[in-house]
Structure formats: structure tokens, C-alpha cells
Amino acid sequence: TDAEARATLYEALESELVARRQLHILYEKPVEAAYLPSLRGVSWGAQGWVDLRKLWFPPVSVDEPDEGEA
């Protein structure tokens, strides 16, 4: 088909340009990110980076021990 022929020609052209160092393909590999459910402000920018300036954890309430404990 025409689509297959175009794809074959495109791949040949791409290979030739890369071999001649006239084409440099830049890409990023997708990765998975895991984070604690309590982490707030997690957002990704246009290039897939987490904006570290917006990360925060909610305050944890610390209970005072009763007089009989420790």
C-alpha cells in the first residue's frame, strides 16, 4: 500500500540522515514514578518533570503521652 511504501522510504531516509550525522533524534524514555500517598502538590510539567517547589507533606499531629506512659 501507499502507507507502507511511505513508511519504508521514511525509515530509509531517517537511517541515511542519522548515518551522515545530519539528523539527531531526541527523545525521552517514559518512566514510572512512585510517591507516598500523603505527599501533596505532585504535578508534572510540560516535559514530564515533577515541580519540586510545590511538593509538601501535611502536618502530622503529635499526641502528648499520658502521664502514666514513658
PDB file of N, CA and C in Angstrom:
ATOM      1  N   THR A   1       0.838  -1.195   0.000  1.00  0.00           N
ATOM      2  CA  THR A   1       0.000   0.000   0.000  1.00  0.00           C
ATOM      3  C   THR A   1       0.877   1.250   0.000  1.00  0.00           C
ATOM      4  N   ASP A   2       0.254   2.370  -0.269  1.00  0.00           N
ATOM      5  CA  ASP A   2       0.993   3.639  -0.271  1.00  0.00           C
ATOM      6  C   ASP A   2       1.551   3.963   1.111  1.00  0.00           C
ATOM      7  N   ALA A   3       0.784   3.668   2.136  1.00  0.00           N
ATOM      8  CA  ALA A   3       1.234   3.962   3.503  1.00  0.00           C
ATOM      9  C   ALA A   3       2.472   3.141   3.848  1.00  0.00           C
ATOM     10  N   GLU A   4       2.483   1.880   3.475  1.00  0.00           N
ATOM     11  CA  GLU A   4       3.646   1.028   3.751  1.00  0.00           C
ATOM     12  C   GLU A   4       4.862   1.499   2.963  1.00  0.00           C
ATOM     13  N   ALA A   5       4.654   1.888   1.716  1.00  0.00           N
ATOM     14  CA  ALA A   5       5.762   2.382   0.894  1.00  0.00           C
ATOM     15  C   ALA A   5       6.335   3.668   1.479  1.00  0.00           C
ATOM     16  N   ARG A   6       5.460   4.575   1.920  1.00  0.00           N
ATOM     17  CA  ARG A   6       5.923   5.828   2.540  1.00  0.00           C
ATOM     18  C   ARG A   6       6.695   5.542   3.817  1.00  0.00           C
ATOM     19  N   ALA A   7       6.203   4.608   4.628  1.00  0.00           N
ATOM     20  CA  ALA A   7       6.888   4.273   5.877  1.00  0.00           C
ATOM     21  C   ALA A   7       8.274   3.696   5.593  1.00  0.00           C
ATOM     22  N   THR A   8       8.375   2.846   4.580  1.00  0.00           N
ATOM     23  CA  THR A   8       9.664   2.254   4.214  1.00  0.00           C
ATOM     24  C   THR A   8      10.633   3.331   3.736  1.00  0.00           C
ATOM     25  N   LEU A   9      10.167   4.232   2.885  1.00  0.00           N
ATOM     26  CA  LEU A   9      11.017   5.328   2.410  1.00  0.00           C
ATOM     27  C   LEU A   9      11.425   6.258   3.550  1.00  0.00           C
ATOM     28  N   TYR A  10      10.494   6.519   4.452  1.00  0.00           N
ATOM     29  CA  TYR A  10      10.789   7.378   5.599  1.00  0.00           C
ATOM     30  C   TYR A  10      11.881   6.752   6.465  1.00  0.00           C
ATOM     31  N   GLU A  11      11.770   5.462   6.737  1.00  0.00           N
ATOM     32  CA  GLU A  11      12.776   4.778   7.559  1.00  0.00           C
ATOM     33  C   GLU A  11      14.137   4.777   6.876  1.00  0.00           C
ATOM     34  N   ALA A  12      14.159   4.585   5.554  1.00  0.00           N
ATOM     35  CA  ALA A  12      15.424   4.608   4.818  1.00  0.00           C
ATOM     36  C   ALA A  12      16.048   6.001   4.866  1.00  0.00           C
ATOM     37  N   LEU A  13      15.238   7.028   4.669  1.00  0.00           N
ATOM     38  CA  LEU A  13      15.729   8.401   4.729  1.00  0.00           C
ATOM     39  C   LEU A  13      16.246   8.735   6.123  1.00  0.00           C
ATOM     40  N   GLU A  14      15.491   8.342   7.129  1.00  0.00           N
ATOM     41  CA  GLU A  14      15.910   8.588   8.510  1.00  0.00           C
ATOM     42  C   GLU A  14      17.239   7.906   8.795  1.00  0.00           C
ATOM     43  N   SER A  15      17.388   6.656   8.402  1.00  0.00           N
ATOM     44  CA  SER A  15      18.638   5.922   8.631  1.00  0.00           C
ATOM     45  C   SER A  15      19.810   6.597   7.936  1.00  0.00           C
ATOM     46  N   GLU A  16      19.595   7.046   6.716  1.00  0.00           N
ATOM     47  CA  GLU A  16      20.655   7.721   5.954  1.00  0.00           C
ATOM     48  C   GLU A  16      21.071   9.022   6.630  1.00  0.00           C
ATOM     49  N   LEU A  17      20.118   9.816   7.053  1.00  0.00           N
ATOM     50  CA  LEU A  17      20.440  11.086   7.707  1.00  0.00           C
ATOM     51  C   LEU A  17      21.131  10.877   9.051  1.00  0.00           C
ATOM     52  N   VAL A  18      20.719   9.871   9.793  1.00  0.00           N
ATOM     53  CA  VAL A  18      21.376   9.568  11.068  1.00  0.00           C
ATOM     54  C   VAL A  18      22.805   9.110  10.806  1.00  0.00           C
ATOM     55  N   ALA A  19      23.003   8.253   9.800  1.00  0.00           N
ATOM     56  CA  ALA A  19      24.342   7.759   9.473  1.00  0.00           C
ATOM     57  C   ALA A  19      25.270   8.902   9.066  1.00  0.00           C
ATOM     58  N   ARG A  20      24.745   9.893   8.375  1.00  0.00           N
ATOM     59  CA  ARG A  20      25.542  11.057   7.953  1.00  0.00           C
ATOM     60  C   ARG A  20      25.669  12.103   9.060  1.00  0.00           C
ATOM     61  N   ARG A  21      25.080  11.830  10.187  1.00  0.00           N
ATOM     62  CA  ARG A  21      25.083  12.752  11.331  1.00  0.00           C
ATOM     63  C   ARG A  21      24.425  14.086  10.987  1.00  0.00           C
ATOM     64  N   GLN A  22      23.409  14.021  10.162  1.00  0.00           N
ATOM     65  CA  GLN A  22      22.651  15.218   9.817  1.00  0.00           C
ATOM     66  C   GLN A  22      21.303  15.252  10.528  1.00  0.00           C
ATOM     67  N   LEU A  23      20.991  14.172  11.199  1.00  0.00           N
ATOM     68  CA  LEU A  23      19.743  14.091  11.960  1.00  0.00           C
ATOM     69  C   LEU A  23      20.052  13.473  13.314  1.00  0.00           C
ATOM     70  N   HIS A  24      19.651  14.154  14.359  1.00  0.00           N
ATOM     71  CA  HIS A  24      19.824  13.647  15.723  1.00  0.00           C
ATOM     72  C   HIS A  24      18.438  13.555  16.344  1.00  0.00           C
ATOM     73  N   ILE A  25      18.039  12.362  16.641  1.00  0.00           N
ATOM     74  CA  ILE A  25      16.702  12.153  17.198  1.00  0.00           C
ATOM     75  C   ILE A  25      16.784  12.286  18.712  1.00  0.00           C
ATOM     76  N   LEU A  26      16.039  13.227  19.236  1.00  0.00           N
ATOM     77  CA  LEU A  26      15.999  13.457  20.675  1.00  0.00           C
ATOM     78  C   LEU A  26      14.667  12.954  21.201  1.00  0.00           C
ATOM     79  N   TYR A  27      14.736  12.119  22.212  1.00  0.00           N
ATOM     80  CA  TYR A  27      13.508  11.606  22.804  1.00  0.00           C
ATOM     81  C   TYR A  27      13.769  11.294  24.260  1.00  0.00           C
ATOM     82  N   GLU A  28      12.722  11.173  24.991  1.00  0.00           N
ATOM     83  CA  GLU A  28      12.807  10.822  26.399  1.00  0.00           C
ATOM     84  C   GLU A  28      12.100   9.509  26.618  1.00  0.00           C
ATOM     85  N   LYS A  29      12.691   8.703  27.466  1.00  0.00           N
ATOM     86  CA  LYS A  29      12.105   7.418  27.794  1.00  0.00           C
ATOM     87  C   LYS A  29      11.102   7.609  28.927  1.00  0.00           C
ATOM     88  N   PRO A  30       9.875   7.171  28.742  1.00  0.00           N
ATOM     89  CA  PRO A  30       8.909   7.326  29.839  1.00  0.00           C
ATOM     90  C   PRO A  30       9.289   6.447  31.034  1.00  0.00           C
ATOM     91  N   VAL A  31       9.121   6.989  32.214  1.00  0.00           N
ATOM     92  CA  VAL A  31       9.400   6.237  33.432  1.00  0.00           C
ATOM     93  C   VAL A  31       8.193   6.344  34.363  1.00  0.00           C
ATOM     94  N   GLU A  32       8.101   5.392  35.249  1.00  0.00           N
ATOM     95  CA  GLU A  32       7.038   5.435  36.246  1.00  0.00           C
ATOM     96  C   GLU A  32       7.579   6.073  37.516  1.00  0.00           C
ATOM     97  N   ALA A  33       6.734   6.779  38.203  1.00  0.00           N
ATOM     98  CA  ALA A  33       7.123   7.416  39.451  1.00  0.00           C
ATOM     99  C   ALA A  33       6.201   6.934  40.560  1.00  0.00           C
ATOM    100  N   ALA A  34       6.796   6.630  41.690  1.00  0.00           N
ATOM    101  CA  ALA A  34       6.014   6.228  42.859  1.00  0.00           C
ATOM    102  C   ALA A  34       6.271   7.250  43.962  1.00  0.00           C
ATOM    103  N   TYR A  35       5.241   7.568  44.704  1.00  0.00           N
ATOM    104  CA  TYR A  35       5.404   8.511  45.805  1.00  0.00           C
ATOM    105  C   TYR A  35       4.398   8.168  46.893  1.00  0.00           C
ATOM    106  N   LEU A  36       4.677   8.655  48.085  1.00  0.00           N
ATOM    107  CA  LEU A  36       3.809   8.385  49.226  1.00  0.00           C
ATOM    108  C   LEU A  36       2.439   9.016  49.013  1.00  0.00           C
ATOM    109  N   PRO A  37       1.385   8.334  49.427  1.00  0.00           N
ATOM    110  CA  PRO A  37       0.049   8.906  49.263  1.00  0.00           C
ATOM    111  C   PRO A  37      -0.148  10.201  50.049  1.00  0.00           C
ATOM    112  N   SER A  38       0.646  10.403  51.089  1.00  0.00           N
ATOM    113  CA  SER A  38       0.497  11.624  51.885  1.00  0.00           C
ATOM    114  C   SER A  38       1.169  12.835  51.233  1.00  0.00           C
ATOM    115  N   LEU A  39       1.972  12.627  50.213  1.00  0.00           N
ATOM    116  CA  LEU A  39       2.645  13.729  49.535  1.00  0.00           C
ATOM    117  C   LEU A  39       1.628  14.564  48.763  1.00  0.00           C
ATOM    118  N   ARG A  40       1.695  15.858  48.929  1.00  0.00           N
ATOM    119  CA  ARG A  40       0.756  16.762  48.269  1.00  0.00           C
ATOM    120  C   ARG A  40       1.495  17.637  47.258  1.00  0.00           C
ATOM    121  N   GLY A  41       0.746  18.200  46.325  1.00  0.00           N
ATOM    122  CA  GLY A  41       1.307  19.129  45.357  1.00  0.00           C
ATOM    123  C   GLY A  41       2.070  18.474  44.219  1.00  0.00           C
ATOM    124  N   VAL A  42       1.858  17.182  44.005  1.00  0.00           N
ATOM    125  CA  VAL A  42       2.565  16.491  42.926  1.00  0.00           C
ATOM    126  C   VAL A  42       1.955  16.902  41.592  1.00  0.00           C
ATOM    127  N   SER A  43       2.784  17.476  40.746  1.00  0.00           N
ATOM    128  CA  SER A  43       2.330  17.833  39.400  1.00  0.00           C
ATOM    129  C   SER A  43       3.517  17.731  38.454  1.00  0.00           C
ATOM    130  N   TRP A  44       3.205  17.393  37.221  1.00  0.00           N
ATOM    131  CA  TRP A  44       4.240  17.239  36.209  1.00  0.00           C
ATOM    132  C   TRP A  44       4.179  18.406  35.247  1.00  0.00           C
ATOM    133  N   GLY A  45       5.348  18.904  34.867  1.00  0.00           N
ATOM    134  CA  GLY A  45       5.418  19.991  33.903  1.00  0.00           C
ATOM    135  C   GLY A  45       5.284  19.473  32.477  1.00  0.00           C
ATOM    136  N   ALA A  46       5.472  20.372  31.526  1.00  0.00           N
ATOM    137  CA  ALA A  46       5.302  20.039  30.108  1.00  0.00           C
ATOM    138  C   ALA A  46       6.278  18.965  29.647  1.00  0.00           C
ATOM    139  N   GLN A  47       7.453  18.898  30.267  1.00  0.00           N
ATOM    140  CA  GLN A  47       8.436  17.910  29.846  1.00  0.00           C
ATOM    141  C   GLN A  47       8.474  16.691  30.751  1.00  0.00           C
ATOM    142  N   GLY A  48       7.475  16.561  31.605  1.00  0.00           N
ATOM    143  CA  GLY A  48       7.371  15.366  32.424  1.00  0.00           C
ATOM    144  C   GLY A  48       8.150  15.392  33.723  1.00  0.00           C
ATOM    145  N   TRP A  49       8.688  16.526  34.099  1.00  0.00           N
ATOM    146  CA  TRP A  49       9.417  16.636  35.357  1.00  0.00           C
ATOM    147  C   TRP A  49       8.460  17.056  36.465  1.00  0.00           C
ATOM    148  N   VAL A  50       8.709  16.549  37.661  1.00  0.00           N
ATOM    149  CA  VAL A  50       7.916  16.945  38.825  1.00  0.00           C
ATOM    150  C   VAL A  50       8.417  18.305  39.297  1.00  0.00           C
ATOM    151  N   ASP A  51       7.494  19.201  39.566  1.00  0.00           N
ATOM    152  CA  ASP A  51       7.851  20.522  40.084  1.00  0.00           C
ATOM    153  C   ASP A  51       8.105  20.388  41.581  1.00  0.00           C
ATOM    154  N   LEU A  52       9.375  20.310  41.959  1.00  0.00           N
ATOM    155  CA  LEU A  52       9.753  20.068  43.353  1.00  0.00           C
ATOM    156  C   LEU A  52       9.373  21.228  44.271  1.00  0.00           C
ATOM    157  N   ARG A  53       9.224  22.421  43.723  1.00  0.00           N
ATOM    158  CA  ARG A  53       8.889  23.580  44.559  1.00  0.00           C
ATOM    159  C   ARG A  53       7.497  23.476  45.157  1.00  0.00           C
ATOM    160  N   LYS A  54       6.633  22.662  44.564  1.00  0.00           N
ATOM    161  CA  LYS A  54       5.244  22.592  45.017  1.00  0.00           C
ATOM    162  C   LYS A  54       4.954  21.389  45.907  1.00  0.00           C
ATOM    163  N   LEU A  55       5.956  20.555  46.166  1.00  0.00           N
ATOM    164  CA  LEU A  55       5.727  19.370  46.992  1.00  0.00           C
ATOM    165  C   LEU A  55       5.647  19.742  48.462  1.00  0.00           C
ATOM    166  N   TRP A  56       4.759  19.092  49.184  1.00  0.00           N
ATOM    167  CA  TRP A  56       4.660  19.313  50.617  1.00  0.00           C
ATOM    168  C   TRP A  56       3.956  18.133  51.277  1.00  0.00           C
ATOM    169  N   PHE A  57       4.225  17.981  52.556  1.00  0.00           N
ATOM    170  CA  PHE A  57       3.550  16.977  53.376  1.00  0.00           C
ATOM    171  C   PHE A  57       2.639  17.701  54.353  1.00  0.00           C
ATOM    172  N   PRO A  58       1.447  17.175  54.587  1.00  0.00           N
ATOM    173  CA  PRO A  58       0.582  17.804  55.585  1.00  0.00           C
ATOM    174  C   PRO A  58       1.192  17.635  56.977  1.00  0.00           C
ATOM    175  N   PRO A  59       0.922  18.576  57.869  1.00  0.00           N
ATOM    176  CA  PRO A  59       1.470  18.454  59.224  1.00  0.00           C
ATOM    177  C   PRO A  59       0.944  17.206  59.919  1.00  0.00           C
ATOM    178  N   VAL A  60       1.815  16.610  60.694  1.00  0.00           N
ATOM    179  CA  VAL A  60       1.446  15.412  61.449  1.00  0.00           C
ATOM    180  C   VAL A  60       1.174  15.845  62.877  1.00  0.00           C
ATOM    181  N   SER A  61       0.024  15.452  63.399  1.00  0.00           N
ATOM    182  CA  SER A  61      -0.265  15.802  64.788  1.00  0.00           C
ATOM    183  C   SER A  61       0.449  14.810  65.691  1.00  0.00           C
ATOM    184  N   VAL A  62       1.170  15.360  66.655  1.00  0.00           N
ATOM    185  CA  VAL A  62       1.897  14.530  67.611  1.00  0.00           C
ATOM    186  C   VAL A  62       1.138  14.591  68.924  1.00  0.00           C
ATOM    187  N   ASP A  63       0.626  13.454  69.351  1.00  0.00           N
ATOM    188  CA  ASP A  63      -0.109  13.403  70.616  1.00  0.00           C
ATOM    189  C   ASP A  63       0.879  13.397  71.773  1.00  0.00           C
ATOM    190  N   GLU A  64       0.553  14.175  72.793  1.00  0.00           N
ATOM    191  CA  GLU A  64       1.367  14.181  74.003  1.00  0.00           C
ATOM    192  C   GLU A  64       1.133  12.873  74.750  1.00  0.00           C
ATOM    193  N   PRO A  65       2.198  12.246  75.258  1.00  0.00           N
ATOM    194  CA  PRO A  65       1.996  10.997  76.010  1.00  0.00           C
ATOM    195  C   PRO A  65       1.250  11.262  77.320  1.00  0.00           C
ATOM    196  N   ASP A  66       0.442  10.305  77.738  1.00  0.00           N
ATOM    197  CA  ASP A  66      -0.240  10.414  79.027  1.00  0.00           C
ATOM    198  C   ASP A  66       0.802  10.364  80.132  1.00  0.00           C
ATOM    199  N   GLU A  67       0.420  10.844  81.322  1.00  0.00           N
ATOM    200  CA  GLU A  67       1.363  10.887  82.436  1.00  0.00           C
ATOM    201  C   GLU A  67       1.861   9.505  82.811  1.00  0.00           C
ATOM    202  N   GLY A  68       1.059   8.490  82.627  1.00  0.00           N
ATOM    203  CA  GLY A  68       1.458   7.137  83.003  1.00  0.00           C
ATOM    204  C   GLY A  68       2.385   6.479  81.988  1.00  0.00           C
ATOM    205  N   GLU A  69       2.513   7.052  80.808  1.00  0.00           N
ATOM    206  CA  GLU A  69       3.365   6.451  79.775  1.00  0.00           C
ATOM    207  C   GLU A  69       4.754   7.052  79.817  1.00  0.00           C
ATOM    208  N   ALA A  70       5.723   6.290  79.405  1.00  0.00           N
ATOM    209  CA  ALA A  70       7.139   6.634  79.301  1.00  0.00           C
ATOM    210  C   ALA A  70       7.454   7.802  80.143  1.00  0.00           C
TER     211      ALA A  70
END
